[in-house]
Amino acid sequence: MTTNFVWLDGQLVDGETARVSPFDHGLLVGDGVFETLRVYGGRPFAWRRHLERLVHSASGLGLVAPGHDELRGACEAVLEANALTEARLRITVTGGVAPLGSERGDHSPTVLVAAAAVTPAPDVTAVAISPWPRNERGATAGLKTTSYAENVRALAYARVQGATEAVFENTRHELCEATGSNVFVVTGDVVRTPPASSGCLLGVTRALVLELCPTLGLAAEEVELPIGALVDGADEAFLTSTVREVQAITAVTDWNHRYTEAPGPVTRRLATAFTALVARDIDEGCDQALAQVEVGEPQVDRDPPLLLFFQAVGIYAGQGAHEGALPVVDMTGRADDQGAHDRPHALGRRRTA
């Protein structure tokens, strides 16, 4: 049997003998956060974005995430020890050893890094609608926590319905998210996805797809949508996630709805553009450029880096683009969700190309 090494609390150890305390709060009550990164050619993709979200999720639970250097070193050590180049890499931080019950103890957080080989996801999949809603006003809405029991239950329901993913509505009967991915609907050349106020987790791949849209001449909107928008008037629909990347939805099985074409033309273009982005690994450069944008002021004197890239490789559509303007970014990270905790927006606010 091949040894699977993991990083546990500062040490590289054999996964078969690694020991987490039976009193760990993550094990007992699901008190923890995590990130999953896709590794391409031995390199974790979109590292900085994932680390920032880990820090945000940890802060939302009152935890302190390890520093950049510690986590980067741990991830590199795990990948090297397991000789992995195409992988799924997971960073988990829990509340550490604590008393039995909900109250947290005074021990340091438990930090675990593990990896496993991964193969590309299929281009298409079917979904089902979860019979249980997401609570968009809950304390953990928008945080990537280890409390995944409702996802496990919803995914089991989807499997019975002949699907590989379950889509949630929220308590307002709005489209929210899926168990491990974000949901997009396409009508014509307009790409829409629920905003942070829906209660969804703001996925890293979701943000990148929204940034790719104007480079392809596509309008992109973060907007509240009724759950029925997944089928009513939608020409296409697709999922985004670290592992699924951009994956077309063929059908909503429990609603007996099948899309005419899957993947449709818009989904195909976005999937191709995302693959090109991964190959170039320019995400960090794009982040740095976006971080320089003055809050509230669109920049019109230079092209966004993704636009320059796609013009160079010849897949920029040209028509209907944003005329070179960088997105307006709200650096406060506040969501207008009427009292829910602060959450960072992928693009800061609703926007259209």
Protein backbone atom coordinates (compact mmCIF):
# COMPACT_ATOMS: atom_id res chain seq x y z
CA MET A 1 0.00 0.00 0.00
CA THR A 2 1.35 3.42 -0.97
CA THR A 3 2.06 5.70 1.99
CA ASN A 4 -0.01 8.90 2.01
CA PHE A 5 1.77 11.65 3.89
CA VAL A 6 -0.10 14.52 5.52
CA TRP A 7 0.96 17.64 7.37
CA LEU A 8 -0.42 17.70 10.91
CA ASP A 9 0.33 20.49 13.37
CA GLY A 10 3.75 21.34 11.97
CA GLN A 11 4.99 17.89 11.01
CA LEU A 12 4.90 15.68 7.93
CA VAL A 13 3.53 12.32 9.09
CA ASP A 14 2.25 9.06 7.65
CA GLY A 15 -1.46 9.40 7.02
CA GLU A 16 -2.03 5.89 8.35
CA THR A 17 -0.63 6.75 11.76
CA ALA A 18 -1.51 10.45 12.02
CA ARG A 19 -3.50 11.15 15.17
CA VAL A 20 -6.04 13.89 15.81
CA SER A 21 -7.31 14.13 19.40
CA PRO A 22 -10.71 12.53 20.04
CA PHE A 23 -11.51 15.82 21.79
CA ASP A 24 -10.79 17.96 18.73
CA HIS A 25 -13.60 20.47 18.28
CA GLY A 26 -13.62 19.96 14.53
CA LEU A 27 -14.35 16.26 15.03
CA LEU A 28 -16.88 16.74 17.82
CA VAL A 29 -18.97 19.69 16.60
CA GLY A 30 -17.70 20.63 13.12
CA ASP A 31 -15.86 23.70 14.41
CA GLY A 32 -13.42 24.34 11.60
CA VAL A 33 -12.77 25.81 8.17
CA PHE A 34 -11.06 24.51 5.08
CA GLU A 35 -9.95 25.25 1.53
CA THR A 36 -9.60 22.93 -1.44
CA LEU A 37 -7.08 23.86 -4.12
CA ARG A 38 -6.51 22.28 -7.51
CA VAL A 39 -2.89 21.42 -8.26
CA TYR A 40 -1.80 21.60 -11.91
CA GLY A 41 1.70 20.48 -12.85
CA GLY A 42 2.72 20.41 -9.20
CA ARG A 43 1.56 24.00 -8.52
CA PRO A 44 -1.50 25.00 -6.46
CA PHE A 45 -3.70 27.25 -8.60
CA ALA A 46 -5.00 30.62 -7.33
CA TRP A 47 -3.07 30.21 -4.10
CA ARG A 48 -3.48 33.77 -2.82
CA ARG A 49 -7.21 33.86 -3.41
CA HIS A 50 -7.72 30.59 -1.56
CA LEU A 51 -5.54 31.69 1.33
CA GLU A 52 -7.44 34.97 1.67
CA ARG A 53 -10.73 33.08 1.79
CA LEU A 54 -9.34 30.68 4.40
CA VAL A 55 -8.37 33.64 6.57
CA HIS A 56 -11.81 35.18 6.07
CA SER A 57 -13.63 31.95 6.97
CA ALA A 58 -11.43 31.43 10.02
CA SER A 59 -12.08 34.98 11.18
CA GLY A 60 -15.82 34.41 10.76
CA LEU A 61 -15.57 31.53 13.26
CA GLY A 62 -13.20 33.37 15.59
CA LEU A 63 -10.22 31.21 14.58
CA VAL A 64 -6.75 32.31 13.55
CA ALA A 65 -5.42 30.72 10.37
CA PRO A 66 -1.71 29.89 10.07
CA GLY A 67 0.50 32.29 8.16
CA HIS A 68 1.21 32.22 4.43
CA ASP A 69 4.75 30.85 4.70
CA GLU A 70 3.77 28.05 7.08
CA LEU A 71 0.89 26.89 4.92
CA ARG A 72 2.77 27.20 1.65
CA GLY A 73 5.64 25.15 3.06
CA ALA A 74 3.22 22.53 4.38
CA CYS A 75 1.45 22.22 1.03
CA GLU A 76 4.69 21.91 -0.91
CA ALA A 77 5.96 19.28 1.53
CA VAL A 78 2.78 17.19 1.17
CA LEU A 79 2.82 17.36 -2.62
CA GLU A 80 6.50 16.42 -2.79
CA ALA A 81 6.23 13.59 -0.26
CA ASN A 82 3.32 12.07 -2.18
CA ALA A 83 4.85 12.74 -5.63
CA LEU A 84 1.66 14.45 -6.78
CA THR A 85 1.47 16.80 -9.76
CA GLU A 86 -2.28 16.66 -10.59
CA ALA A 87 -4.03 16.75 -7.26
CA ARG A 88 -6.73 17.97 -4.94
CA LEU A 89 -5.09 19.75 -2.00
CA ARG A 90 -7.02 20.39 1.20
CA ILE A 91 -6.11 22.71 4.09
CA THR A 92 -8.17 22.23 7.26
CA VAL A 93 -8.06 24.36 10.41
CA THR A 94 -10.19 23.35 13.41
CA GLY A 95 -10.86 24.79 16.85
CA GLY A 96 -8.43 22.31 18.37
CA VAL A 97 -8.82 20.32 21.57
CA ALA A 98 -11.84 21.48 23.57
CA PRO A 99 -14.28 20.32 26.25
CA LEU A 100 -17.19 18.14 25.22
CA GLY A 101 -19.95 20.45 24.02
CA SER A 102 -20.09 23.63 21.96
CA GLU A 103 -17.74 25.80 24.02
CA ARG A 104 -14.26 26.13 22.57
CA GLY A 105 -11.18 25.35 24.66
CA ASP A 106 -7.93 27.28 25.02
CA HIS A 107 -5.74 24.99 22.88
CA SER A 108 -4.19 26.00 19.58
CA PRO A 109 -6.07 25.21 16.37
CA THR A 110 -5.44 21.87 14.67
CA VAL A 111 -3.90 22.34 11.20
CA LEU A 112 -4.07 19.53 8.66
CA VAL A 113 -2.93 19.50 5.03
CA ALA A 114 -3.72 16.49 2.85
CA ALA A 115 -3.69 15.76 -0.87
CA ALA A 116 -4.96 13.13 -3.27
CA ALA A 117 -4.61 12.48 -6.97
CA VAL A 118 -7.43 13.86 -9.09
CA THR A 119 -8.64 13.39 -12.65
CA PRO A 120 -10.44 16.06 -14.68
CA ALA A 121 -14.18 16.25 -14.09
CA PRO A 122 -16.56 15.39 -16.96
CA ASP A 123 -17.62 18.28 -19.18
CA VAL A 124 -21.27 17.82 -18.22
CA THR A 125 -23.37 16.63 -15.31
CA ALA A 126 -26.96 16.53 -14.04
CA VAL A 127 -28.23 18.24 -10.88
CA ALA A 128 -31.22 17.88 -8.56
CA ILE A 129 -32.88 20.48 -6.34
CA SER A 130 -32.31 19.90 -2.64
CA PRO A 131 -35.56 19.64 -0.65
CA TRP A 132 -33.82 21.49 2.21
CA PRO A 133 -33.00 25.22 1.86
CA ARG A 134 -29.87 27.17 2.72
CA ASN A 135 -30.23 29.73 5.51
CA GLU A 136 -28.82 32.89 3.97
CA ARG A 137 -28.86 34.66 7.36
CA GLY A 138 -27.11 31.92 9.35
CA ALA A 139 -23.91 32.55 11.28
CA THR A 140 -21.86 30.47 8.84
CA ALA A 141 -23.46 31.65 5.57
CA GLY A 142 -20.70 32.49 3.11
CA LEU A 143 -18.03 30.75 5.18
CA LYS A 144 -16.28 27.55 4.09
CA THR A 145 -16.70 25.54 7.26
CA THR A 146 -16.24 21.85 7.98
CA SER A 147 -19.92 21.61 9.03
CA TYR A 148 -20.95 19.79 5.86
CA ALA A 149 -23.65 17.46 7.17
CA GLU A 150 -26.45 19.18 5.23
CA ASN A 151 -24.34 18.97 2.07
CA VAL A 152 -23.82 15.25 2.63
CA ARG A 153 -27.56 14.77 3.05
CA ALA A 154 -28.44 16.85 -0.02
CA LEU A 155 -25.85 15.11 -2.17
CA ALA A 156 -27.22 11.72 -1.16
CA TYR A 157 -30.66 12.91 -2.28
CA ALA A 158 -29.19 14.04 -5.62
CA ARG A 159 -27.60 10.64 -6.18
CA VAL A 160 -30.97 8.95 -5.72
CA GLN A 161 -32.33 11.38 -8.33
CA GLY A 162 -29.64 10.37 -10.82
CA ALA A 163 -27.56 13.53 -10.38
CA THR A 164 -24.04 14.27 -9.13
CA GLU A 165 -24.78 17.62 -7.49
CA ALA A 166 -27.60 19.16 -5.44
CA VAL A 167 -28.65 22.78 -5.87
CA PHE A 168 -30.01 24.76 -2.92
CA GLU A 169 -32.57 27.52 -2.80
CA ASN A 170 -32.43 29.84 0.20
CA THR A 171 -35.24 30.65 2.64
CA ARG A 172 -36.50 33.36 0.24
CA HIS A 173 -36.88 30.73 -2.52
CA GLU A 174 -33.96 32.23 -4.43
CA LEU A 175 -31.26 30.33 -6.25
CA CYS A 176 -28.31 30.01 -3.86
CA GLU A 177 -25.58 27.46 -4.61
CA ALA A 178 -24.84 23.75 -4.87
CA THR A 179 -23.23 21.54 -2.22
CA GLY A 180 -19.69 22.15 -3.46
CA SER A 181 -20.05 24.54 -6.37
CA ASN A 182 -21.57 27.79 -7.56
CA VAL A 183 -24.40 27.94 -10.08
CA PHE A 184 -24.65 30.11 -13.21
CA VAL A 185 -27.54 30.55 -15.63
CA VAL A 186 -27.18 31.87 -19.17
CA THR A 187 -29.78 33.70 -21.24
CA GLY A 188 -28.48 34.83 -24.60
CA ASP A 189 -25.10 36.44 -23.91
CA VAL A 190 -25.93 37.34 -20.31
CA VAL A 191 -24.34 35.23 -17.56
CA ARG A 192 -25.96 35.46 -14.13
CA THR A 193 -25.10 34.02 -10.72
CA PRO A 194 -26.49 34.65 -7.21
CA PRO A 195 -24.83 37.39 -5.10
CA ALA A 196 -23.33 37.03 -1.63
CA SER A 197 -26.64 38.12 -0.07
CA SER A 198 -28.19 34.84 -1.30
CA GLY A 199 -26.08 33.02 1.29
CA CYS A 200 -23.76 31.35 -1.21
CA LEU A 201 -20.07 30.77 -0.70
CA LEU A 202 -18.16 33.08 -3.03
CA GLY A 203 -16.11 30.55 -4.94
CA VAL A 204 -12.67 31.29 -6.34
CA THR A 205 -13.57 29.75 -9.72
CA ARG A 206 -16.82 31.75 -9.64
CA ALA A 207 -14.87 34.99 -9.29
CA LEU A 208 -12.51 34.08 -12.12
CA VAL A 209 -15.41 33.22 -14.44
CA LEU A 210 -17.05 36.58 -13.68
CA GLU A 211 -13.76 38.29 -14.54
CA LEU A 212 -13.46 36.29 -17.76
CA CYS A 213 -16.91 37.26 -19.04
CA PRO A 214 -16.10 40.80 -20.29
CA THR A 215 -12.99 39.49 -22.05
CA LEU A 216 -15.33 37.31 -24.12
CA GLY A 217 -17.90 40.03 -24.77
CA LEU A 218 -20.34 38.54 -22.27
CA ALA A 219 -22.42 40.52 -19.80
CA ALA A 220 -22.01 39.25 -16.23
CA GLU A 221 -24.39 39.90 -13.36
CA GLU A 222 -24.45 39.01 -9.69
CA VAL A 223 -28.17 39.22 -9.10
CA GLU A 224 -30.93 37.68 -7.00
CA LEU A 225 -32.71 34.96 -8.98
CA PRO A 226 -35.75 32.86 -8.15
CA ILE A 227 -34.97 29.16 -7.91
CA GLY A 228 -37.08 28.66 -11.03
CA ALA A 229 -34.62 30.75 -13.06
CA LEU A 230 -32.48 27.63 -13.27
CA VAL A 231 -34.90 26.34 -15.89
CA ASP A 232 -37.36 29.14 -16.81
CA GLY A 233 -35.88 31.06 -19.72
CA ALA A 234 -32.38 29.69 -19.21
CA ASP A 235 -30.61 28.69 -22.41
CA GLU A 236 -27.73 27.14 -20.48
CA ALA A 237 -26.64 26.51 -16.92
CA PHE A 238 -23.32 25.49 -15.47
CA LEU A 239 -21.45 24.83 -12.24
CA THR A 240 -18.09 26.20 -11.16
CA SER A 241 -15.73 24.89 -8.51
CA THR A 242 -12.08 24.14 -7.91
CA VAL A 243 -12.45 20.51 -8.98
CA ARG A 244 -15.33 20.79 -11.47
CA GLU A 245 -13.84 23.94 -13.07
CA VAL A 246 -16.59 25.00 -15.55
CA GLN A 247 -19.06 22.14 -15.92
CA ALA A 248 -22.24 22.29 -17.99
CA ILE A 249 -25.55 21.17 -16.50
CA THR A 250 -27.39 18.76 -18.78
CA ALA A 251 -30.57 18.35 -16.75
CA VAL A 252 -32.40 19.07 -13.51
CA THR A 253 -33.49 15.52 -12.92
CA ASP A 254 -36.16 15.88 -10.23
CA TRP A 255 -37.81 18.68 -12.24
CA ASN A 256 -37.70 16.59 -15.44
CA HIS A 257 -35.95 19.40 -17.26
CA ARG A 258 -33.26 18.89 -19.88
CA TYR A 259 -31.31 21.67 -21.57
CA THR A 260 -31.41 21.72 -25.36
CA GLU A 261 -27.63 21.85 -25.64
CA ALA A 262 -25.03 21.06 -22.98
CA PRO A 263 -22.49 22.38 -22.97
CA GLY A 264 -24.00 25.35 -24.75
CA PRO A 265 -21.92 27.88 -26.70
CA VAL A 266 -21.41 30.30 -23.80
CA THR A 267 -20.42 27.54 -21.39
CA ARG A 268 -17.97 26.15 -23.95
CA ARG A 269 -16.34 29.53 -24.42
CA LEU A 270 -15.96 30.09 -20.69
CA ALA A 271 -14.59 26.58 -20.15
CA THR A 272 -12.03 27.11 -22.91
CA ALA A 273 -11.05 30.49 -21.50
CA PHE A 274 -10.68 29.06 -18.01
CA THR A 275 -8.45 26.27 -19.28
CA ALA A 276 -6.27 28.86 -21.03
CA LEU A 277 -6.10 30.88 -17.81
CA VAL A 278 -4.94 27.85 -15.84
CA ALA A 279 -2.27 27.11 -18.46
CA ARG A 280 -0.88 30.65 -18.17
CA ASP A 281 -1.31 30.86 -14.37
CA ILE A 282 -1.76 34.61 -14.53
CA ASP A 283 -4.24 34.76 -11.68
CA GLU A 284 -1.83 36.41 -9.26
CA GLY A 285 -0.97 39.11 -11.75
CA CYS A 286 -4.66 39.79 -12.31
CA ASP A 287 -5.23 40.02 -8.56
CA GLN A 288 -2.44 42.57 -8.17
CA ALA A 289 -3.88 44.75 -10.92
CA LEU A 290 -7.38 44.59 -9.45
CA ALA A 291 -6.05 45.47 -6.00
CA GLN A 292 -4.70 48.74 -7.40
CA VAL A 293 -8.10 49.92 -8.61
CA GLU A 294 -9.31 52.98 -6.74
CA VAL A 295 -12.46 52.20 -4.80
CA GLY A 296 -15.56 53.42 -6.61
CA GLU A 297 -13.70 54.71 -9.67
CA PRO A 298 -13.65 52.65 -12.89
CA GLN A 299 -10.33 52.76 -14.70
CA VAL A 300 -10.56 53.40 -18.44
CA ASP A 301 -6.99 54.20 -19.37
CA ARG A 302 -5.72 50.65 -19.65
CA ASP A 303 -6.97 47.18 -20.51
CA PRO A 304 -7.48 44.62 -17.72
CA PRO A 305 -4.78 41.93 -17.74
CA LEU A 306 -7.21 39.15 -18.60
CA LEU A 307 -8.45 41.17 -21.58
CA LEU A 308 -4.90 41.70 -22.83
CA PHE A 309 -4.20 37.99 -22.47
CA PHE A 310 -7.25 36.82 -24.37
CA GLN A 311 -6.73 39.40 -27.11
CA ALA A 312 -3.22 38.01 -27.48
CA VAL A 313 -4.35 34.39 -27.78
CA GLY A 314 -7.16 35.28 -30.15
CA ILE A 315 -10.27 34.24 -28.23
CA TYR A 316 -11.52 37.73 -27.34
CA ALA A 317 -14.97 38.25 -28.84
CA GLY A 318 -14.81 42.03 -29.09
CA GLN A 319 -18.49 42.87 -29.35
CA GLY A 320 -20.28 43.98 -26.20
CA ALA A 321 -17.13 44.16 -24.10
CA HIS A 322 -16.57 46.62 -21.30
CA GLU A 323 -14.36 48.86 -23.46
CA GLY A 324 -11.25 48.18 -21.44
CA ALA A 325 -12.63 49.23 -18.07
CA LEU A 326 -11.46 47.36 -15.01
CA PRO A 327 -14.24 46.27 -12.66
CA VAL A 328 -15.16 48.58 -9.83
CA VAL A 329 -14.04 46.82 -6.65
CA ASP A 330 -15.51 47.43 -3.21
CA MET A 331 -12.50 46.93 -0.94
CA THR A 332 -14.62 47.11 2.22
CA GLY A 333 -15.78 43.53 1.64
CA ARG A 334 -19.25 44.36 2.93
CA ALA A 335 -22.31 42.56 1.62
CA ASP A 336 -25.63 44.41 1.65
CA ASP A 337 -27.46 41.52 3.25
CA GLN A 338 -29.38 43.42 5.94
CA GLY A 339 -27.35 42.51 8.97
CA ALA A 340 -25.55 39.29 8.12
CA HIS A 341 -21.83 39.22 8.86
CA ASP A 342 -19.44 40.90 6.46
CA ARG A 343 -18.45 38.85 3.45
CA PRO A 344 -16.12 39.76 0.57
CA HIS A 345 -17.72 40.07 -2.86
CA ALA A 346 -16.09 38.49 -5.88
CA LEU A 347 -16.33 41.77 -7.79
CA GLY A 348 -17.48 44.07 -5.03
CA ARG A 349 -20.96 44.77 -6.42
CA ARG A 350 -23.30 43.80 -9.22
CA ARG A 351 -21.90 44.68 -12.57
CA THR A 352 -22.63 44.16 -16.22
CA ALA A 353 -20.38 44.14 -19.22
